[in-house]
Amino acid sequence: MDRSVLEGDPHAVIEAMAIAGYTIGANQGYVYVRAEYPTAVNRLKIAIQQARENGLLGDNIFGSNFSFQLDIRLGSGAFVCGEETALLESIEGRRGEPRPRPPFPAVKGLFGKPTTVNNVETLANIPQIFVKGPAWFAAMGTEKSKGTKVFALGGKIQNTGLVEIPMGTTLREIVEDIGGGIPDGKAFKAAQTGGPSGGCIPEEHYDVPIDYDNLMEIGSMMGSGGLIVMDEDNCMVDIAKFFLEFTVEESCGKCAPCRIGTKRLLEILDKITLGKATMADLDKMEELCHHIKENSLCGLGQTAPNPVLSTYHYFKEEYLAHVQERRCPAGVCKNLIQYSIDPEKCTGCSACARVCPVSAISGEVKKVYEIDQETCIKCGLCKDTCRFDAIYVH
């Protein structure tokens, strides 16, 4: 979302930063952008130069005694640099790691100076509020969450992309009215909000108005504004593992609860998806989640267990099926499923045998084929190829 703003209307952010500088008495601003966004960086450079040429940046703006300079700093894409103190460390040329607080950035921030840190979406609202007035902005949204929010809509949904909705819009409206619903007539199962550190919202909260307070209350968060839709074919244990793998990779390693705790948590999820976990592992998993949340130094570690806690809370029966029955209800975890051929439906066309990469399927043409479970790597090619729906997962 932020990249699209920087590419489409960088002047809105530049103007907002100058206003912020004037308001708090700062004369230097920095825009921190990922180096992987070259179009955003180039357009931002052009816009900053245009602002300087037109007297909107630089010394004595509009003949006043206020001067404001704006520079760009490129980041290397570290997720932890979304945390404000890690971002400040990166701008100063050091490794992106969070600082203990206090002192807070507003007291001692960039280069030891009082600093305010805001993201692109927040800043982009400022010029519009100045032009149209605070009442215009406050007329949108809910009592405690004013205005609009941009979401990056993706996953199992017809219309993907960026959507801007007033705060208070329900998840059902976003998925069905704006997103066009879930493809192939599949049922809605959950939506992940807040990026890798967010939680999963189940169908029972499909009609909850989306705002900051409501999302926190149901175990999720607004976060970066990602919204990933999942259907009945998604395994929630696998989803939790997928997001945790990302946070483990992106942990800066400064504090032990995040550096070590998230790895131990991932090991437990691995055991569950491999069919090797016990009920004691589930208890240990939940306890570990709370320790990580309470003791991590920054927001990355404090929110890393959210996908695990929310999926375990709302989809506990799936975790129990993996542990007690050694079964993946969604048919996703390879170690807990097997492919078989229904003799009533098999026509002996041999299509499945021809596509099998490990020759695990054998038989004669026009007779029922069989799958060797020891050889099968569970890639699913046979099921995708079969035109008679003769191959099933169990």
Protein backbone atom coordinates (compact mmCIF):
# COMPACT_ATOMS: atom_id res chain seq x y z
CA MET A 1 0.00 0.00 0.00
CA ASP A 2 2.77 2.39 0.93
CA ARG A 3 4.67 1.64 -2.24
CA SER A 4 1.61 2.48 -4.37
CA VAL A 5 1.29 5.86 -2.61
CA LEU A 6 4.97 6.69 -3.13
CA GLU A 7 4.70 5.70 -6.79
CA GLY A 8 1.37 7.44 -7.42
CA ASP A 9 1.42 10.58 -5.25
CA PRO A 10 4.81 11.17 -3.58
CA HIS A 11 4.07 14.89 -3.19
CA ALA A 12 1.35 14.10 -0.63
CA VAL A 13 3.95 12.49 1.62
CA ILE A 14 6.53 15.23 1.04
CA GLU A 15 4.00 17.94 1.89
CA ALA A 16 2.88 16.06 5.01
CA MET A 17 6.46 15.67 6.23
CA ALA A 18 7.11 19.40 5.78
CA ILE A 19 3.94 20.14 7.75
CA ALA A 20 5.06 17.70 10.46
CA GLY A 21 8.49 19.34 10.58
CA TYR A 22 6.93 22.80 10.94
CA THR A 23 4.56 21.53 13.65
CA ILE A 24 7.18 19.96 15.91
CA GLY A 25 10.07 22.29 15.08
CA ALA A 26 12.17 19.84 13.05
CA ASN A 27 14.23 20.93 10.04
CA GLN A 28 15.30 17.51 8.73
CA GLY A 29 13.23 14.58 7.48
CA TYR A 30 14.08 11.14 6.12
CA VAL A 31 12.01 8.82 3.96
CA TYR A 32 13.03 5.22 4.58
CA VAL A 33 12.27 3.07 1.52
CA ARG A 34 13.11 -0.51 0.60
CA ALA A 35 15.77 -0.65 -2.12
CA GLU A 36 13.64 -3.36 -3.79
CA TYR A 37 11.15 -0.64 -4.80
CA PRO A 38 13.15 1.20 -7.52
CA THR A 39 10.09 2.84 -9.13
CA ALA A 40 8.99 4.31 -5.80
CA VAL A 41 12.53 5.52 -5.08
CA ASN A 42 12.95 7.14 -8.51
CA ARG A 43 9.60 8.92 -8.39
CA LEU A 44 10.28 10.10 -4.86
CA LYS A 45 13.62 11.55 -5.98
CA ILE A 46 11.90 13.40 -8.84
CA ALA A 47 9.18 14.73 -6.51
CA ILE A 48 11.72 15.94 -3.91
CA GLN A 49 13.65 17.78 -6.63
CA GLN A 50 10.43 19.36 -7.93
CA ALA A 51 9.51 20.45 -4.39
CA ARG A 52 12.92 22.07 -3.94
CA GLU A 53 12.69 23.87 -7.28
CA ASN A 54 9.27 25.24 -6.35
CA GLY A 55 10.32 26.43 -2.90
CA LEU A 56 8.37 23.76 -1.00
CA LEU A 57 11.56 22.31 0.52
CA GLY A 58 14.84 23.92 1.44
CA ASP A 59 15.74 27.14 3.24
CA ASN A 60 13.17 29.77 4.26
CA ILE A 61 10.16 28.07 2.68
CA PHE A 62 7.72 30.65 1.21
CA GLY A 63 9.90 33.44 2.59
CA SER A 64 9.40 32.30 6.18
CA ASN A 65 12.05 31.52 8.76
CA PHE A 66 11.19 27.81 8.51
CA SER A 67 13.63 25.54 6.66
CA PHE A 68 13.12 21.85 5.96
CA GLN A 69 15.34 19.36 4.18
CA LEU A 70 14.20 15.91 3.05
CA ASP A 71 16.45 12.97 2.18
CA ILE A 72 15.95 9.33 1.21
CA ARG A 73 17.51 6.37 3.00
CA LEU A 74 17.35 2.93 1.39
CA GLY A 75 16.65 -0.16 3.45
CA SER A 76 17.55 -3.74 2.60
CA GLY A 77 14.08 -5.15 3.14
CA ALA A 78 14.51 -6.29 6.75
CA PHE A 79 11.06 -6.90 8.22
CA VAL A 80 12.26 -5.89 11.69
CA CYS A 81 12.94 -2.37 10.39
CA GLY A 82 9.21 -1.80 10.45
CA GLU A 83 9.79 -1.36 14.19
CA GLU A 84 10.58 2.31 14.72
CA THR A 85 13.80 2.02 16.74
CA ALA A 86 15.22 -0.65 14.41
CA LEU A 87 14.40 1.71 11.53
CA LEU A 88 16.32 4.52 13.25
CA GLU A 89 19.31 2.22 13.77
CA SER A 90 19.26 1.37 10.05
CA ILE A 91 19.10 5.04 8.99
CA GLU A 92 22.13 5.72 11.21
CA GLY A 93 24.06 3.06 9.30
CA ARG A 94 23.94 0.27 11.83
CA ARG A 95 22.33 -3.15 11.74
CA GLY A 96 18.54 -2.91 12.08
CA GLU A 97 17.92 -3.98 15.68
CA PRO A 98 15.42 -2.52 18.16
CA ARG A 99 16.55 -0.32 21.01
CA PRO A 100 15.38 -0.76 24.61
CA ARG A 101 12.80 1.85 25.62
CA PRO A 102 12.84 4.28 27.42
CA PRO A 103 14.18 6.57 26.12
CA PHE A 104 11.51 6.74 23.47
CA PRO A 105 12.23 8.24 20.01
CA ALA A 106 10.19 11.34 20.88
CA VAL A 107 12.81 12.07 23.56
CA LYS A 108 15.96 10.58 22.04
CA GLY A 109 15.60 9.26 18.51
CA LEU A 110 17.56 9.66 15.28
CA PHE A 111 21.15 10.76 15.98
CA GLY A 112 20.07 11.38 19.57
CA LYS A 113 17.52 14.03 18.55
CA PRO A 114 13.78 14.00 19.37
CA THR A 115 12.13 12.16 16.47
CA THR A 116 8.62 11.35 15.28
CA VAL A 117 8.14 8.25 13.13
CA ASN A 118 5.04 7.75 10.98
CA ASN A 119 4.27 5.52 8.05
CA VAL A 120 3.42 6.57 4.51
CA GLU A 121 -0.32 5.91 4.76
CA THR A 122 -0.65 8.10 7.86
CA LEU A 123 1.30 10.98 6.28
CA ALA A 124 -0.64 10.77 3.01
CA ASN A 125 -3.85 11.60 4.92
CA ILE A 126 -2.51 14.89 6.28
CA PRO A 127 -2.80 17.15 3.17
CA GLN A 128 -6.36 15.92 2.55
CA ILE A 129 -7.33 16.70 6.13
CA PHE A 130 -5.86 20.20 5.77
CA VAL A 131 -7.80 20.81 2.56
CA LYS A 132 -11.14 19.25 3.55
CA GLY A 133 -11.06 19.71 7.31
CA PRO A 134 -10.95 17.33 10.28
CA ALA A 135 -14.77 16.97 10.31
CA TRP A 136 -14.62 15.46 6.81
CA PHE A 137 -12.10 12.85 7.94
CA ALA A 138 -13.90 12.14 11.23
CA ALA A 139 -17.18 11.57 9.38
CA MET A 140 -15.72 8.32 8.04
CA GLY A 141 -15.00 5.28 10.17
CA THR A 142 -16.02 4.36 13.71
CA GLU A 143 -16.06 6.23 17.00
CA LYS A 144 -12.51 5.24 17.95
CA SER A 145 -11.04 4.52 14.50
CA LYS A 146 -11.60 7.42 12.12
CA GLY A 147 -11.06 7.60 8.39
CA THR A 148 -10.27 4.84 5.94
CA LYS A 149 -7.83 1.96 5.70
CA VAL A 150 -6.11 0.48 2.67
CA PHE A 151 -5.85 -3.31 2.54
CA ALA A 152 -3.82 -5.51 0.22
CA LEU A 153 -6.43 -8.13 -0.60
CA GLY A 154 -5.13 -11.54 -1.64
CA GLY A 155 -5.42 -15.28 -1.24
CA LYS A 156 -8.49 -17.33 -2.17
CA ILE A 157 -10.55 -14.48 -3.61
CA GLN A 158 -11.79 -13.38 -7.05
CA ASN A 159 -10.54 -9.77 -7.02
CA THR A 160 -7.06 -9.24 -5.62
CA GLY A 161 -5.32 -5.89 -5.20
CA LEU A 162 -5.46 -2.77 -3.08
CA VAL A 163 -8.80 -1.69 -1.62
CA GLU A 164 -9.57 1.38 0.49
CA ILE A 165 -12.52 1.01 2.85
CA PRO A 166 -14.00 3.14 5.65
CA MET A 167 -13.12 1.87 9.11
CA GLY A 168 -16.00 -0.23 10.42
CA THR A 169 -16.59 -2.12 7.17
CA THR A 170 -17.20 -5.79 7.92
CA LEU A 171 -14.96 -8.59 6.72
CA ARG A 172 -17.95 -10.07 4.86
CA GLU A 173 -18.38 -6.84 2.85
CA ILE A 174 -14.69 -6.77 1.93
CA VAL A 175 -14.57 -10.42 0.86
CA GLU A 176 -17.94 -10.76 -0.87
CA ASP A 177 -18.89 -7.27 -2.11
CA ILE A 178 -15.46 -5.86 -2.93
CA GLY A 179 -13.39 -9.01 -3.39
CA GLY A 180 -16.08 -10.79 -5.41
CA GLY A 181 -16.21 -13.81 -3.12
CA ILE A 182 -14.22 -17.02 -3.04
CA PRO A 183 -13.58 -18.87 -6.35
CA ASP A 184 -15.07 -22.23 -7.32
CA GLY A 185 -17.91 -22.02 -4.82
CA LYS A 186 -15.62 -22.83 -1.90
CA ALA A 187 -16.59 -21.82 1.62
CA PHE A 188 -14.88 -18.99 3.54
CA LYS A 189 -12.76 -20.37 6.36
CA ALA A 190 -10.64 -17.52 7.73
CA ALA A 191 -8.85 -14.29 6.89
CA GLN A 192 -5.39 -13.29 8.04
CA THR A 193 -4.99 -9.58 8.79
CA GLY A 194 -1.94 -7.63 9.86
CA GLY A 195 0.71 -9.40 7.84
CA PRO A 196 2.84 -12.28 9.21
CA SER A 197 2.36 -11.02 12.77
CA GLY A 198 -1.42 -10.85 12.57
CA GLY A 199 -4.05 -13.36 13.57
CA CYS A 200 -6.61 -15.41 11.69
CA ILE A 201 -10.26 -14.32 11.82
CA PRO A 202 -12.72 -17.25 11.55
CA GLU A 203 -16.18 -17.30 10.01
CA GLU A 204 -17.81 -16.65 13.39
CA HIS A 205 -16.39 -13.11 13.22
CA TYR A 206 -17.24 -12.60 9.54
CA ASP A 207 -19.57 -9.70 10.38
CA VAL A 208 -17.41 -7.92 12.96
CA PRO A 209 -16.73 -4.28 11.90
CA ILE A 210 -13.04 -3.93 11.15
CA ASP A 211 -11.27 -1.33 13.25
CA TYR A 212 -8.22 -1.28 15.53
CA ASP A 213 -10.07 -2.22 18.74
CA ASN A 214 -12.22 -4.98 17.27
CA LEU A 215 -9.28 -6.69 15.57
CA MET A 216 -7.27 -6.66 18.80
CA GLU A 217 -10.25 -8.05 20.69
CA ILE A 218 -10.59 -11.09 18.42
CA GLY A 219 -6.86 -11.87 18.44
CA SER A 220 -5.67 -10.13 15.28
CA MET A 221 -4.34 -6.68 14.39
CA MET A 222 -4.45 -4.05 11.66
CA GLY A 223 -0.67 -4.16 11.20
CA SER A 224 0.58 -3.46 7.70
CA GLY A 225 -2.86 -3.85 6.16
CA GLY A 226 -2.47 -7.24 4.52
CA LEU A 227 -5.67 -9.28 4.21
CA ILE A 228 -5.25 -12.89 3.07
CA VAL A 229 -8.43 -14.90 2.51
CA MET A 230 -8.48 -18.67 3.10
CA ASP A 231 -11.06 -21.27 2.10
CA GLU A 232 -11.96 -24.79 3.19
CA ASP A 233 -8.90 -26.25 1.46
CA ASN A 234 -6.44 -24.45 3.76
CA CYS A 235 -4.94 -26.25 6.77
CA MET A 236 -4.78 -23.78 9.66
CA VAL A 237 -1.83 -25.56 11.28
CA ASP A 238 0.08 -25.24 8.00
CA ILE A 239 -0.93 -21.55 7.77
CA ALA A 240 0.41 -20.85 11.27
CA LYS A 241 3.64 -22.65 10.37
CA PHE A 242 3.98 -20.67 7.13
CA PHE A 243 3.77 -17.29 8.86
CA LEU A 244 5.99 -18.36 11.75
CA GLU A 245 8.69 -19.50 9.31
CA PHE A 246 8.78 -15.92 8.01
CA THR A 247 9.14 -14.31 11.45
CA VAL A 248 11.85 -16.81 12.44
CA GLU A 249 13.76 -15.86 9.29
CA GLU A 250 13.27 -12.12 9.91
CA SER A 251 14.13 -12.07 13.62
CA CYS A 252 17.16 -9.84 14.17
CA GLY A 253 18.37 -12.17 16.94
CA LYS A 254 18.99 -9.46 19.53
CA CYS A 255 16.75 -10.91 22.25
CA ALA A 256 16.54 -14.56 23.30
CA PRO A 257 12.72 -14.83 23.56
CA CYS A 258 12.39 -14.04 19.86
CA ARG A 259 15.64 -15.56 18.57
CA ILE A 260 15.30 -18.88 20.40
CA GLY A 261 11.62 -18.98 21.34
CA THR A 262 10.23 -18.67 17.83
CA LYS A 263 12.55 -21.45 16.61
CA ARG A 264 11.38 -23.79 19.38
CA LEU A 265 7.80 -22.87 18.51
CA LEU A 266 8.41 -23.68 14.84
CA GLU A 267 9.90 -27.05 15.83
CA ILE A 268 6.66 -27.92 17.66
CA LEU A 269 4.57 -26.96 14.62
CA ASP A 270 6.86 -29.11 12.46
CA LYS A 271 6.20 -32.07 14.76
CA ILE A 272 2.46 -31.48 14.51
CA THR A 273 2.44 -31.38 10.70
CA LEU A 274 4.66 -34.47 10.54
CA GLY A 275 2.31 -36.41 12.79
CA LYS A 276 4.89 -36.80 15.56
CA ALA A 277 3.47 -34.46 18.21
CA THR A 278 1.77 -35.34 21.51
CA MET A 279 -0.84 -33.53 23.60
CA ALA A 280 2.00 -32.35 25.84
CA ASP A 281 3.47 -30.57 22.81
CA LEU A 282 0.24 -28.60 22.38
CA ASP A 283 0.39 -27.42 26.00
CA LYS A 284 4.05 -26.52 25.59
CA MET A 285 3.25 -24.64 22.36
CA GLU A 286 0.60 -22.48 24.01
CA GLU A 287 2.79 -21.73 27.02
CA LEU A 288 5.74 -20.83 24.81
CA CYS A 289 3.57 -18.42 22.79
CA HIS A 290 2.74 -16.43 25.91
CA HIS A 291 6.38 -16.34 27.07
CA ILE A 292 7.51 -15.00 23.67
CA LYS A 293 4.78 -12.33 23.62
CA GLU A 294 5.54 -11.10 27.12
CA ASN A 295 9.33 -11.07 27.00
CA SER A 296 10.41 -10.09 23.48
CA LEU A 297 12.12 -6.74 23.08
CA CYS A 298 10.14 -5.39 20.13
CA GLY A 299 6.90 -5.74 18.24
CA LEU A 300 8.22 -8.46 15.91
CA GLY A 301 8.72 -10.94 18.73
CA GLN A 302 5.72 -9.74 20.72
CA THR A 303 3.37 -10.44 17.81
CA ALA A 304 5.13 -13.45 16.22
CA PRO A 305 2.95 -16.00 18.12
CA ASN A 306 -0.32 -14.37 16.96
CA PRO A 307 -0.91 -16.72 14.00
CA VAL A 308 -0.32 -19.74 16.24
CA LEU A 309 -2.49 -18.51 19.12
CA SER A 310 -5.38 -17.40 16.91
CA THR A 311 -5.47 -20.59 14.83
CA TYR A 312 -5.17 -22.74 17.97
CA HIS A 313 -7.98 -20.78 19.63
CA TYR A 314 -10.42 -20.83 16.71
CA PHE A 315 -9.42 -24.09 14.98
CA LYS A 316 -8.35 -26.27 17.90
CA GLU A 317 -10.10 -29.29 16.39
CA GLU A 318 -7.62 -29.22 13.47
CA TYR A 319 -4.65 -29.29 15.85
CA LEU A 320 -6.27 -32.18 17.76
CA ALA A 321 -6.88 -34.08 14.51
CA HIS A 322 -3.18 -33.74 13.61
CA VAL A 323 -2.04 -34.91 17.05
CA GLN A 324 -4.62 -37.46 18.15
CA GLU A 325 -5.72 -38.92 14.84
CA ARG A 326 -2.54 -38.30 12.78
CA ARG A 327 -4.80 -36.75 10.17
CA CYS A 328 -4.87 -33.43 8.30
CA PRO A 329 -8.56 -32.57 7.74
CA ALA A 330 -7.73 -30.22 4.84
CA GLY A 331 -5.46 -32.77 3.16
CA VAL A 332 -2.48 -30.42 3.07
CA CYS A 333 0.17 -31.87 5.42
CA LYS A 334 1.85 -34.50 3.26
CA ASN A 335 2.94 -36.82 6.05
CA LEU A 336 -0.64 -37.16 7.23
CA ILE A 337 -2.37 -37.91 3.92
CA GLN A 338 -2.33 -40.55 1.24
CA TYR A 339 -3.67 -40.77 -2.30
CA SER A 340 -5.81 -43.75 -3.30
CA ILE A 341 -7.67 -44.81 -6.44
CA ASP A 342 -11.40 -45.53 -6.29
CA PRO A 343 -11.90 -48.80 -8.21
CA GLU A 344 -15.50 -47.84 -8.96
CA LYS A 345 -14.42 -44.71 -10.82
CA CYS A 346 -11.09 -45.74 -12.37
CA THR A 347 -11.39 -46.40 -16.13
CA GLY A 348 -7.81 -47.61 -16.56
CA CYS A 349 -6.89 -44.74 -18.87
CA SER A 350 -3.31 -44.68 -17.45
CA ALA A 351 -3.15 -40.84 -17.41
CA CYS A 352 -2.21 -40.82 -13.72
CA ALA A 353 0.59 -43.35 -14.23
CA ARG A 354 2.06 -41.33 -17.09
CA VAL A 355 2.38 -38.12 -15.04
CA CYS A 356 3.64 -39.70 -11.80
CA PRO A 357 7.25 -38.44 -11.39
CA VAL A 358 8.34 -41.45 -9.28
CA SER A 359 6.42 -44.24 -11.08
CA ALA A 360 4.38 -45.01 -7.96
CA ILE A 361 1.26 -45.89 -10.00
CA SER A 362 1.02 -49.22 -11.78
CA GLY A 363 -1.60 -51.23 -13.64
CA GLU A 364 -2.83 -52.29 -17.05
CA VAL A 365 -4.77 -50.21 -19.55
CA LYS A 366 -8.54 -50.52 -19.08
CA LYS A 367 -8.03 -52.10 -15.65
CA VAL A 368 -7.95 -50.51 -12.19
CA TYR A 369 -4.62 -48.86 -11.34
CA GLU A 370 -2.98 -48.87 -7.91
CA ILE A 371 -0.74 -46.46 -5.99
CA ASP A 372 2.30 -47.76 -4.11
CA GLN A 373 2.11 -45.81 -0.84
CA GLU A 374 5.78 -46.40 -0.02
CA THR A 375 6.93 -44.83 -3.29
CA CYS A 376 4.32 -42.03 -3.53
CA ILE A 377 5.71 -38.56 -2.77
CA LYS A 378 2.21 -37.07 -2.49
CA CYS A 379 2.76 -34.39 -5.11
CA GLY A 380 -0.89 -34.49 -6.20
CA LEU A 381 -0.20 -34.59 -9.95
CA CYS A 382 -2.25 -37.76 -10.35
CA LYS A 383 -5.31 -36.21 -8.72
CA ASP A 384 -4.99 -33.07 -10.85
CA THR A 385 -4.68 -35.16 -14.01
CA CYS A 386 -7.51 -37.63 -13.45
CA ARG A 387 -10.56 -36.64 -15.51
CA PHE A 388 -12.85 -39.11 -13.75
CA ASP A 389 -12.33 -37.94 -10.14
CA ALA A 390 -11.10 -41.45 -9.31
CA ILE A 391 -8.23 -40.34 -7.09
CA TYR A 392 -9.05 -39.14 -3.60
CA VAL A 393 -7.11 -37.93 -0.55
CA HIS A 394 -7.63 -39.40 2.91
